[in-house]
PDB file of N, CA and C in Angstrom:
ATOM      1  N   MET A   1       0.844  -1.169   0.000  1.00  0.00           N
ATOM      2  CA  MET A   1       0.000   0.000   0.000  1.00  0.00           C
ATOM      3  C   MET A   1       0.898   1.244   0.000  1.00  0.00           C
ATOM      4  N   LEU A   2       0.619   2.160  -0.913  1.00  0.00           N
ATOM      5  CA  LEU A   2       1.421   3.368  -1.054  1.00  0.00           C
ATOM      6  C   LEU A   2       0.549   4.604  -0.843  1.00  0.00           C
ATOM      7  N   LYS A   3       1.043   5.545  -0.052  1.00  0.00           N
ATOM      8  CA  LYS A   3       0.360   6.820   0.152  1.00  0.00           C
ATOM      9  C   LYS A   3       1.017   7.841  -0.756  1.00  0.00           C
ATOM     10  N   ILE A   4       0.202   8.544  -1.542  1.00  0.00           N
ATOM     11  CA  ILE A   4       0.712   9.535  -2.490  1.00  0.00           C
ATOM     12  C   ILE A   4       0.422  10.939  -1.942  1.00  0.00           C
ATOM     13  N   TYR A   5       1.469  11.784  -1.966  1.00  0.00           N
ATOM     14  CA  TYR A   5       1.365  13.184  -1.546  1.00  0.00           C
ATOM     15  C   TYR A   5       1.840  14.058  -2.691  1.00  0.00           C
ATOM     16  N   ASP A   6       1.292  15.277  -2.791  1.00  0.00           N
ATOM     17  CA  ASP A   6       1.771  16.186  -3.825  1.00  0.00           C
ATOM     18  C   ASP A   6       3.113  16.784  -3.401  1.00  0.00           C
ATOM     19  N   SER A   7       3.661  17.650  -4.227  1.00  0.00           N
ATOM     20  CA  SER A   7       4.982  18.218  -3.947  1.00  0.00           C
ATOM     21  C   SER A   7       4.982  19.136  -2.730  1.00  0.00           C
ATOM     22  N   ASN A   8       3.808  19.514  -2.247  1.00  0.00           N
ATOM     23  CA  ASN A   8       3.697  20.330  -1.030  1.00  0.00           C
ATOM     24  C   ASN A   8       3.341  19.494   0.196  1.00  0.00           C
ATOM     25  N   HIS A   9       3.464  18.190   0.069  1.00  0.00           N
ATOM     26  CA  HIS A   9       3.213  17.218   1.151  1.00  0.00           C
ATOM     27  C   HIS A   9       1.743  17.134   1.559  1.00  0.00           C
ATOM     28  N   HIS A  10       0.822  17.453   0.658  1.00  0.00           N
ATOM     29  CA  HIS A  10      -0.606  17.291   0.928  1.00  0.00           C
ATOM     30  C   HIS A  10      -1.038  15.906   0.450  1.00  0.00           C
ATOM     31  N   PHE A  11      -1.714  15.172   1.321  1.00  0.00           N
ATOM     32  CA  PHE A  11      -2.150  13.822   0.983  1.00  0.00           C
ATOM     33  C   PHE A  11      -3.112  13.852  -0.200  1.00  0.00           C
ATOM     34  N   LEU A  12      -2.887  12.933  -1.167  1.00  0.00           N
ATOM     35  CA  LEU A  12      -3.742  12.853  -2.349  1.00  0.00           C
ATOM     36  C   LEU A  12      -4.584  11.581  -2.367  1.00  0.00           C
ATOM     37  N   VAL A  13      -3.930  10.433  -2.259  1.00  0.00           N
ATOM     38  CA  VAL A  13      -4.657   9.181  -2.439  1.00  0.00           C
ATOM     39  C   VAL A  13      -3.852   8.024  -1.861  1.00  0.00           C
ATOM     40  N   LEU A  14      -4.545   6.953  -1.564  1.00  0.00           N
ATOM     41  CA  LEU A  14      -3.935   5.713  -1.113  1.00  0.00           C
ATOM     42  C   LEU A  14      -3.954   4.725  -2.268  1.00  0.00           C
ATOM     43  N   LEU A  15      -2.775   4.320  -2.736  1.00  0.00           N
ATOM     44  CA  LEU A  15      -2.673   3.361  -3.836  1.00  0.00           C
ATOM     45  C   LEU A  15      -2.689   1.958  -3.235  1.00  0.00           C
ATOM     46  N   ASP A  16      -3.775   1.264  -3.414  1.00  0.00           N
ATOM     47  CA  ASP A  16      -3.866  -0.071  -2.828  1.00  0.00           C
ATOM     48  C   ASP A  16      -4.278  -1.133  -3.852  1.00  0.00           C
ATOM     49  N   LYS A  17      -4.392  -0.711  -5.110  1.00  0.00           N
ATOM     50  CA  LYS A  17      -4.708  -1.666  -6.171  1.00  0.00           C
ATOM     51  C   LYS A  17      -4.073  -1.186  -7.465  1.00  0.00           C
ATOM     52  N   ASP A  18      -4.103  -2.024  -8.460  1.00  0.00           N
ATOM     53  CA  ASP A  18      -3.565  -1.715  -9.789  1.00  0.00           C
ATOM     54  C   ASP A  18      -2.041  -1.640  -9.838  1.00  0.00           C
ATOM     55  N   LEU A  19      -1.340  -1.986  -8.760  1.00  0.00           N
ATOM     56  CA  LEU A  19       0.121  -1.969  -8.779  1.00  0.00           C
ATOM     57  C   LEU A  19       0.656  -3.283  -9.315  1.00  0.00           C
ATOM     58  N   ASP A  20       1.740  -3.195 -10.055  1.00  0.00           N
ATOM     59  CA  ASP A  20       2.367  -4.397 -10.604  1.00  0.00           C
ATOM     60  C   ASP A  20       3.879  -4.249 -10.505  1.00  0.00           C
ATOM     61  N   ASP A  21       4.572  -5.352 -10.352  1.00  0.00           N
ATOM     62  CA  ASP A  21       6.034  -5.388 -10.363  1.00  0.00           C
ATOM     63  C   ASP A  21       6.641  -4.414  -9.351  1.00  0.00           C
ATOM     64  N   VAL A  22       6.152  -4.432  -8.120  1.00  0.00           N
ATOM     65  CA  VAL A  22       6.658  -3.553  -7.068  1.00  0.00           C
ATOM     66  C   VAL A  22       7.991  -4.100  -6.567  1.00  0.00           C
ATOM     67  N   GLN A  23       9.020  -3.253  -6.596  1.00  0.00           N
ATOM     68  CA  GLN A  23      10.354  -3.654  -6.148  1.00  0.00           C
ATOM     69  C   GLN A  23      10.955  -2.564  -5.279  1.00  0.00           C
ATOM     70  N   ILE A  24      11.458  -2.961  -4.115  1.00  0.00           N
ATOM     71  CA  ILE A  24      12.196  -2.049  -3.239  1.00  0.00           C
ATOM     72  C   ILE A  24      13.628  -2.559  -3.188  1.00  0.00           C
ATOM     73  N   THR A  25      14.571  -1.657  -3.462  1.00  0.00           N
ATOM     74  CA  THR A  25      15.979  -2.022  -3.488  1.00  0.00           C
ATOM     75  C   THR A  25      16.719  -1.236  -2.413  1.00  0.00           C
ATOM     76  N   ASP A  26      17.447  -1.936  -1.560  1.00  0.00           N
ATOM     77  CA  ASP A  26      18.282  -1.302  -0.540  1.00  0.00           C
ATOM     78  C   ASP A  26      19.700  -1.152  -1.074  1.00  0.00           C
ATOM     79  N   THR A  27      20.285   0.024  -0.889  1.00  0.00           N
ATOM     80  CA  THR A  27      21.680   0.252  -1.231  1.00  0.00           C
ATOM     81  C   THR A  27      22.481   0.145   0.057  1.00  0.00           C
ATOM     82  N   LEU A  28      23.300  -0.867   0.163  1.00  0.00           N
ATOM     83  CA  LEU A  28      23.978  -1.160   1.419  1.00  0.00           C
ATOM     84  C   LEU A  28      24.960  -0.082   1.857  1.00  0.00           C
ATOM     85  N   ASP A  29      25.696   0.512   0.915  1.00  0.00           N
ATOM     86  CA  ASP A  29      26.711   1.487   1.324  1.00  0.00           C
ATOM     87  C   ASP A  29      26.120   2.812   1.807  1.00  0.00           C
ATOM     88  N   THR A  30      24.916   3.172   1.360  1.00  0.00           N
ATOM     89  CA  THR A  30      24.306   4.431   1.799  1.00  0.00           C
ATOM     90  C   THR A  30      23.144   4.220   2.763  1.00  0.00           C
ATOM     91  N   GLY A  31      22.540   3.038   2.718  1.00  0.00           N
ATOM     92  CA  GLY A  31      21.366   2.782   3.551  1.00  0.00           C
ATOM     93  C   GLY A  31      20.077   3.303   2.926  1.00  0.00           C
ATOM     94  N   TRP A  32      20.168   3.869   1.742  1.00  0.00           N
ATOM     95  CA  TRP A  32      18.994   4.410   1.074  1.00  0.00           C
ATOM     96  C   TRP A  32      18.274   3.323   0.305  1.00  0.00           C
ATOM     97  N   ARG A  33      17.009   3.574   0.038  1.00  0.00           N
ATOM     98  CA  ARG A  33      16.181   2.638  -0.723  1.00  0.00           C
ATOM     99  C   ARG A  33      15.632   3.318  -1.972  1.00  0.00           C
ATOM    100  N   THR A  34      15.366   2.504  -2.978  1.00  0.00           N
ATOM    101  CA  THR A  34      14.655   2.980  -4.157  1.00  0.00           C
ATOM    102  C   THR A  34      13.410   2.113  -4.334  1.00  0.00           C
ATOM    103  N   LEU A  35      12.423   2.673  -4.980  1.00  0.00           N
ATOM    104  CA  LEU A  35      11.157   1.983  -5.216  1.00  0.00           C
ATOM    105  C   LEU A  35      10.860   2.029  -6.705  1.00  0.00           C
ATOM    106  N   HIS A  36      10.422   0.902  -7.227  1.00  0.00           N
ATOM    107  CA  HIS A  36      10.007   0.802  -8.615  1.00  0.00           C
ATOM    108  C   HIS A  36       8.662   0.086  -8.641  1.00  0.00           C
ATOM    109  N   PHE A  37       7.739   0.579  -9.467  1.00  0.00           N
ATOM    110  CA  PHE A  37       6.481  -0.139  -9.673  1.00  0.00           C
ATOM    111  C   PHE A  37       5.903   0.234 -11.026  1.00  0.00           C
ATOM    112  N   LYS A  38       4.964  -0.565 -11.463  1.00  0.00           N
ATOM    113  CA  LYS A  38       4.230  -0.292 -12.691  1.00  0.00           C
ATOM    114  C   LYS A  38       2.766  -0.114 -12.330  1.00  0.00           C
ATOM    115  N   ILE A  39       2.124   0.759 -13.094  1.00  0.00           N
ATOM    116  CA  ILE A  39       0.705   1.033 -12.879  1.00  0.00           C
ATOM    117  C   ILE A  39       0.053   1.152 -14.262  1.00  0.00           C
ATOM    118  N   PRO A  40      -1.146   0.613 -14.433  1.00  0.00           N
ATOM    119  CA  PRO A  40      -1.791   0.679 -15.756  1.00  0.00           C
ATOM    120  C   PRO A  40      -1.989   2.122 -16.221  1.00  0.00           C
ATOM    121  N   CYS A  41      -1.857   2.326 -17.514  1.00  0.00           N
ATOM    122  CA  CYS A  41      -2.076   3.662 -18.081  1.00  0.00           C
ATOM    123  C   CYS A  41      -3.527   4.106 -17.927  1.00  0.00           C
ATOM    124  N   LYS A  42      -4.420   3.151 -17.859  1.00  0.00           N
ATOM    125  CA  LYS A  42      -5.843   3.468 -17.689  1.00  0.00           C
ATOM    126  C   LYS A  42      -6.278   3.072 -16.280  1.00  0.00           C
ATOM    127  N   THR A  43      -5.998   3.944 -15.338  1.00  0.00           N
ATOM    128  CA  THR A  43      -6.381   3.724 -13.953  1.00  0.00           C
ATOM    129  C   THR A  43      -6.871   5.028 -13.361  1.00  0.00           C
ATOM    130  N   GLU A  44      -7.665   4.943 -12.343  1.00  0.00           N
ATOM    131  CA  GLU A  44      -8.185   6.142 -11.688  1.00  0.00           C
ATOM    132  C   GLU A  44      -7.089   6.925 -10.969  1.00  0.00           C
ATOM    133  N   TYR A  45      -5.945   6.272 -10.707  1.00  0.00           N
ATOM    134  CA  TYR A  45      -4.853   6.903  -9.962  1.00  0.00           C
ATOM    135  C   TYR A  45      -3.886   7.677 -10.844  1.00  0.00           C
ATOM    136  N   LEU A  46      -4.047   7.605 -12.129  1.00  0.00           N
ATOM    137  CA  LEU A  46      -3.061   8.160 -13.053  1.00  0.00           C
ATOM    138  C   LEU A  46      -2.781   9.645 -12.810  1.00  0.00           C
ATOM    139  N   ASN A  47      -3.788  10.420 -12.465  1.00  0.00           N
ATOM    140  CA  ASN A  47      -3.612  11.859 -12.245  1.00  0.00           C
ATOM    141  C   ASN A  47      -2.755  12.180 -11.023  1.00  0.00           C
ATOM    142  N   TYR A  48      -2.528  11.206 -10.156  1.00  0.00           N
ATOM    143  CA  TYR A  48      -1.757  11.433  -8.936  1.00  0.00           C
ATOM    144  C   TYR A  48      -0.285  11.064  -9.079  1.00  0.00           C
ATOM    145  N   ILE A  49       0.066  10.431 -10.184  1.00  0.00           N
ATOM    146  CA  ILE A  49       1.442   9.992 -10.409  1.00  0.00           C
ATOM    147  C   ILE A  49       2.158  11.080 -11.199  1.00  0.00           C
ATOM    148  N   ASP A  50       2.864  11.955 -10.497  1.00  0.00           N
ATOM    149  CA  ASP A  50       3.618  13.051 -11.111  1.00  0.00           C
ATOM    150  C   ASP A  50       5.036  13.068 -10.554  1.00  0.00           C
ATOM    151  N   GLU A  51       5.985  13.459 -11.371  1.00  0.00           N
ATOM    152  CA  GLU A  51       7.349  13.590 -10.883  1.00  0.00           C
ATOM    153  C   GLU A  51       7.401  14.628  -9.773  1.00  0.00           C
ATOM    154  N   GLU A  52       8.204  14.334  -8.776  1.00  0.00           N
ATOM    155  CA  GLU A  52       8.411  15.140  -7.571  1.00  0.00           C
ATOM    156  C   GLU A  52       7.275  15.023  -6.556  1.00  0.00           C
ATOM    157  N   ASN A  53       6.265  14.201  -6.825  1.00  0.00           N
ATOM    158  CA  ASN A  53       5.302  13.873  -5.770  1.00  0.00           C
ATOM    159  C   ASN A  53       5.951  12.876  -4.827  1.00  0.00           C
ATOM    160  N   TYR A  54       5.416  12.795  -3.619  1.00  0.00           N
ATOM    161  CA  TYR A  54       5.991  11.925  -2.596  1.00  0.00           C
ATOM    162  C   TYR A  54       5.172  10.652  -2.458  1.00  0.00           C
ATOM    163  N   ILE A  55       5.857   9.575  -2.119  1.00  0.00           N
ATOM    164  CA  ILE A  55       5.210   8.295  -1.857  1.00  0.00           C
ATOM    165  C   ILE A  55       5.729   7.784  -0.526  1.00  0.00           C
ATOM    166  N   GLU A  56       4.810   7.339   0.326  1.00  0.00           N
ATOM    167  CA  GLU A  56       5.200   6.757   1.609  1.00  0.00           C
ATOM    168  C   GLU A  56       4.728   5.321   1.691  1.00  0.00           C
ATOM    169  N   THR A  57       5.595   4.479   2.267  1.00  0.00           N
ATOM    170  CA  THR A  57       5.210   3.127   2.647  1.00  0.00           C
ATOM    171  C   THR A  57       5.111   3.132   4.164  1.00  0.00           C
ATOM    172  N   ASP A  58       4.951   1.975   4.765  1.00  0.00           N
ATOM    173  CA  ASP A  58       4.856   1.919   6.219  1.00  0.00           C
ATOM    174  C   ASP A  58       6.110   2.421   6.917  1.00  0.00           C
ATOM    175  N   ASP A  59       7.269   2.285   6.258  1.00  0.00           N
ATOM    176  CA  ASP A  59       8.513   2.606   6.951  1.00  0.00           C
ATOM    177  C   ASP A  59       9.505   3.467   6.163  1.00  0.00           C
ATOM    178  N   TYR A  60       9.076   4.050   5.031  1.00  0.00           N
ATOM    179  CA  TYR A  60      10.032   4.816   4.229  1.00  0.00           C
ATOM    180  C   TYR A  60       9.300   5.843   3.377  1.00  0.00           C
ATOM    181  N   SER A  61      10.006   6.897   3.005  1.00  0.00           N
ATOM    182  CA  SER A  61       9.438   7.956   2.175  1.00  0.00           C
ATOM    183  C   SER A  61      10.276   8.116   0.903  1.00  0.00           C
ATOM    184  N   TYR A  62       9.595   8.237  -0.238  1.00  0.00           N
ATOM    185  CA  TYR A  62      10.246   8.322  -1.547  1.00  0.00           C
ATOM    186  C   TYR A  62       9.758   9.559  -2.297  1.00  0.00           C
ATOM    187  N   VAL A  63      10.503   9.915  -3.334  1.00  0.00           N
ATOM    188  CA  VAL A  63      10.110  10.967  -4.273  1.00  0.00           C
ATOM    189  C   VAL A  63      10.073  10.331  -5.660  1.00  0.00           C
ATOM    190  N   ILE A  64       9.000  10.615  -6.409  1.00  0.00           N
ATOM    191  CA  ILE A  64       8.905  10.103  -7.778  1.00  0.00           C
ATOM    192  C   ILE A  64       9.910  10.857  -8.640  1.00  0.00           C
ATOM    193  N   LYS A  65      10.854  10.118  -9.215  1.00  0.00           N
ATOM    194  CA  LYS A  65      11.918  10.725 -10.004  1.00  0.00           C
ATOM    195  C   LYS A  65      11.721  10.577 -11.507  1.00  0.00           C
ATOM    196  N   GLU A  66      11.100   9.478 -11.936  1.00  0.00           N
ATOM    197  CA  GLU A  66      10.957   9.250 -13.369  1.00  0.00           C
ATOM    198  C   GLU A  66       9.714   8.412 -13.656  1.00  0.00           C
ATOM    199  N   ILE A  67       9.002   8.789 -14.711  1.00  0.00           N
ATOM    200  CA  ILE A  67       7.814   8.054 -15.145  1.00  0.00           C
ATOM    201  C   ILE A  67       7.993   7.763 -16.633  1.00  0.00           C
ATOM    202  N   LYS A  68       7.921   6.492 -16.983  1.00  0.00           N
ATOM    203  CA  LYS A  68       8.094   6.091 -18.381  1.00  0.00           C
ATOM    204  C   LYS A  68       6.862   5.335 -18.856  1.00  0.00           C
ATOM    205  N   ASN A  69       6.426   5.645 -20.054  1.00  0.00           N
ATOM    206  CA  ASN A  69       5.361   4.890 -20.698  1.00  0.00           C
ATOM    207  C   ASN A  69       6.029   3.904 -21.640  1.00  0.00           C
ATOM    208  N   GLU A  70       6.150   2.658 -21.186  1.00  0.00           N
ATOM    209  CA  GLU A  70       6.943   1.684 -21.926  1.00  0.00           C
ATOM    210  C   GLU A  70       6.181   0.991 -23.052  1.00  0.00           C
ATOM    211  N   ASP A  71       4.928   0.653 -22.833  1.00  0.00           N
ATOM    212  CA  ASP A  71       4.223  -0.158 -23.827  1.00  0.00           C
ATOM    213  C   ASP A  71       2.771   0.279 -24.036  1.00  0.00           C
ATOM    214  N   ASN A  72       2.422   1.486 -23.644  1.00  0.00           N
ATOM    215  CA  ASN A  72       1.071   2.031 -23.737  1.00  0.00           C
ATOM    216  C   ASN A  72       0.046   1.274 -22.896  1.00  0.00           C
ATOM    217  N   LYS A  73       0.503   0.330 -22.087  1.00  0.00           N
ATOM    218  CA  LYS A  73      -0.381  -0.371 -21.158  1.00  0.00           C
ATOM    219  C   LYS A  73      -0.044  -0.028 -19.716  1.00  0.00           C
ATOM    220  N   TYR A  74       1.251   0.099 -19.432  1.00  0.00           N
ATOM    221  CA  TYR A  74       1.712   0.382 -18.076  1.00  0.00           C
ATOM    222  C   TYR A  74       2.675   1.561 -18.064  1.00  0.00           C
ATOM    223  N   LEU A  75       2.617   2.329 -16.972  1.00  0.00           N
ATOM    224  CA  LEU A  75       3.635   3.335 -16.689  1.00  0.00           C
ATOM    225  C   LEU A  75       4.625   2.707 -15.726  1.00  0.00           C
ATOM    226  N   SER A  76       5.892   2.898 -15.975  1.00  0.00           N
ATOM    227  CA  SER A  76       6.946   2.444 -15.083  1.00  0.00           C
ATOM    228  C   SER A  76       7.378   3.639 -14.240  1.00  0.00           C
ATOM    229  N   VAL A  77       7.313   3.503 -12.925  1.00  0.00           N
ATOM    230  CA  VAL A  77       7.580   4.614 -12.012  1.00  0.00           C
ATOM    231  C   VAL A  77       8.825   4.299 -11.179  1.00  0.00           C
ATOM    232  N   GLU A  78       9.799   5.213 -11.220  1.00  0.00           N
ATOM    233  CA  GLU A  78      11.042   5.077 -10.455  1.00  0.00           C
ATOM    234  C   GLU A  78      11.051   6.135  -9.358  1.00  0.00           C
ATOM    235  N   CYS A  79      11.325   5.697  -8.135  1.00  0.00           N
ATOM    236  CA  CYS A  79      11.327   6.609  -6.991  1.00  0.00           C
ATOM    237  C   CYS A  79      12.644   6.507  -6.236  1.00  0.00           C
ATOM    238  N   GLY A  80      13.137   7.651  -5.805  1.00  0.00           N
ATOM    239  CA  GLY A  80      14.346   7.698  -4.989  1.00  0.00           C
ATOM    240  C   GLY A  80      13.985   8.056  -3.564  1.00  0.00           C
ATOM    241  N   PRO A  81      14.958   8.022  -2.668  1.00  0.00           N
ATOM    242  CA  PRO A  81      14.678   8.342  -1.268  1.00  0.00           C
ATOM    243  C   PRO A  81      14.299   9.814  -1.104  1.00  0.00           C
ATOM    244  N   ASN A  82      13.412  10.075  -0.182  1.00  0.00           N
ATOM    245  CA  ASN A  82      13.047  11.445   0.169  1.00  0.00           C
ATOM    246  C   ASN A  82      14.115  11.952   1.134  1.00  0.00           C
ATOM    247  N   ILE A  83      15.085  12.680   0.610  1.00  0.00           N
ATOM    248  CA  ILE A  83      16.198  13.115   1.453  1.00  0.00           C
ATOM    249  C   ILE A  83      15.768  14.218   2.412  1.00  0.00           C
ATOM    250  N   ASP A  84      14.666  14.901   2.133  1.00  0.00           N
ATOM    251  CA  ASP A  84      14.179  15.921   3.067  1.00  0.00           C
ATOM    252  C   ASP A  84      13.884  15.305   4.429  1.00  0.00           C
ATOM    253  N   SER A  85      13.251  14.135   4.441  1.00  0.00           N
ATOM    254  CA  SER A  85      12.938  13.496   5.718  1.00  0.00           C
ATOM    255  C   SER A  85      14.208  13.023   6.411  1.00  0.00           C
ATOM    256  N   ILE A  86      15.209  12.606   5.638  1.00  0.00           N
ATOM    257  CA  ILE A  86      16.478  12.183   6.227  1.00  0.00           C
ATOM    258  C   ILE A  86      17.218  13.381   6.801  1.00  0.00           C
ATOM    259  N   LYS A  87      17.215  14.512   6.065  1.00  0.00           N
ATOM    260  CA  LYS A  87      17.867  15.727   6.556  1.00  0.00           C
ATOM    261  C   LYS A  87      17.239  16.200   7.858  1.00  0.00           C
ATOM    262  N   SER A  88      15.912  16.187   7.931  1.00  0.00           N
ATOM    263  CA  SER A  88      15.250  16.660   9.147  1.00  0.00           C
ATOM    264  C   SER A  88      15.545  15.742  10.323  1.00  0.00           C
ATOM    265  N   ALA A  89      15.682  14.440  10.091  1.00  0.00           N
ATOM    266  CA  ALA A  89      16.024  13.510  11.171  1.00  0.00           C
ATOM    267  C   ALA A  89      17.432  13.798  11.679  1.00  0.00           C
ATOM    268  N   ILE A  90      18.356  14.114  10.781  1.00  0.00           N
ATOM    269  CA  ILE A  90      19.727  14.434  11.188  1.00  0.00           C
ATOM    270  C   ILE A  90      19.751  15.742  11.973  1.00  0.00           C
ATOM    271  N   ILE A  91      19.020  16.734  11.511  1.00  0.00           N
ATOM    272  CA  ILE A  91      18.976  18.019  12.217  1.00  0.00           C
ATOM    273  C   ILE A  91      18.404  17.833  13.609  1.00  0.00           C
ATOM    274  N   ASN A  92      17.349  17.034  13.752  1.00  0.00           N
ATOM    275  CA  ASN A  92      16.750  16.792  15.070  1.00  0.00           C
ATOM    276  C   ASN A  92      17.746  16.123  16.003  1.00  0.00           C
ATOM    277  N   VAL A  93      18.529  15.189  15.523  1.00  0.00           N
ATOM    278  CA  VAL A  93      19.520  14.509  16.359  1.00  0.00           C
ATOM    279  C   VAL A  93      20.613  15.496  16.763  1.00  0.00           C
ATOM    280  N   VAL A  94      21.065  16.317  15.830  1.00  0.00           N
ATOM    281  CA  VAL A  94      22.100  17.308  16.142  1.00  0.00           C
ATOM    282  C   VAL A  94      21.577  18.297  17.172  1.00  0.00           C
ATOM    283  N   ASP A  95      20.341  18.761  17.043  1.00  0.00           N
ATOM    284  CA  ASP A  95      19.754  19.701  17.995  1.00  0.00           C
ATOM    285  C   ASP A  95      19.697  19.105  19.389  1.00  0.00           C
ATOM    286  N   LEU A  96      19.400  17.818  19.492  1.00  0.00           N
ATOM    287  CA  LEU A  96      19.309  17.172  20.806  1.00  0.00           C
ATOM    288  C   LEU A  96      20.665  17.069  21.489  1.00  0.00           C
ATOM    289  N   ASN A  97      21.727  17.035  20.719  1.00  0.00           N
ATOM    290  CA  ASN A  97      23.075  16.892  21.287  1.00  0.00           C
ATOM    291  C   ASN A  97      23.716  18.216  21.661  1.00  0.00           C
ATOM    292  N   LEU A  98      23.056  19.330  21.397  1.00  0.00           N
ATOM    293  CA  LEU A  98      23.644  20.633  21.738  1.00  0.00           C
ATOM    294  C   LEU A  98      23.609  20.892  23.167  1.00  0.00           C
TER     295      LEU A  98
END
């Protein structure tokens, strides 16, 4: 289940169907994750899939980086880590240590 937010962090929709080929990849040297999924070109959720929108899972936050229309049936969506949330976590830890 994926929660979609616009670029201003306003909640848009909960993606709980029509997803295909969902893959989460962990990068061991950085600890960051990437998300990849496909969604049908003809779905009610299509208007919410925009580059720079945010996607949240139960334990991680992503930013939509690339959307490709590969075969006119599915959109391939590539997401990178939401570094804003990582930056704020680091700032909070630094503030606590002052």
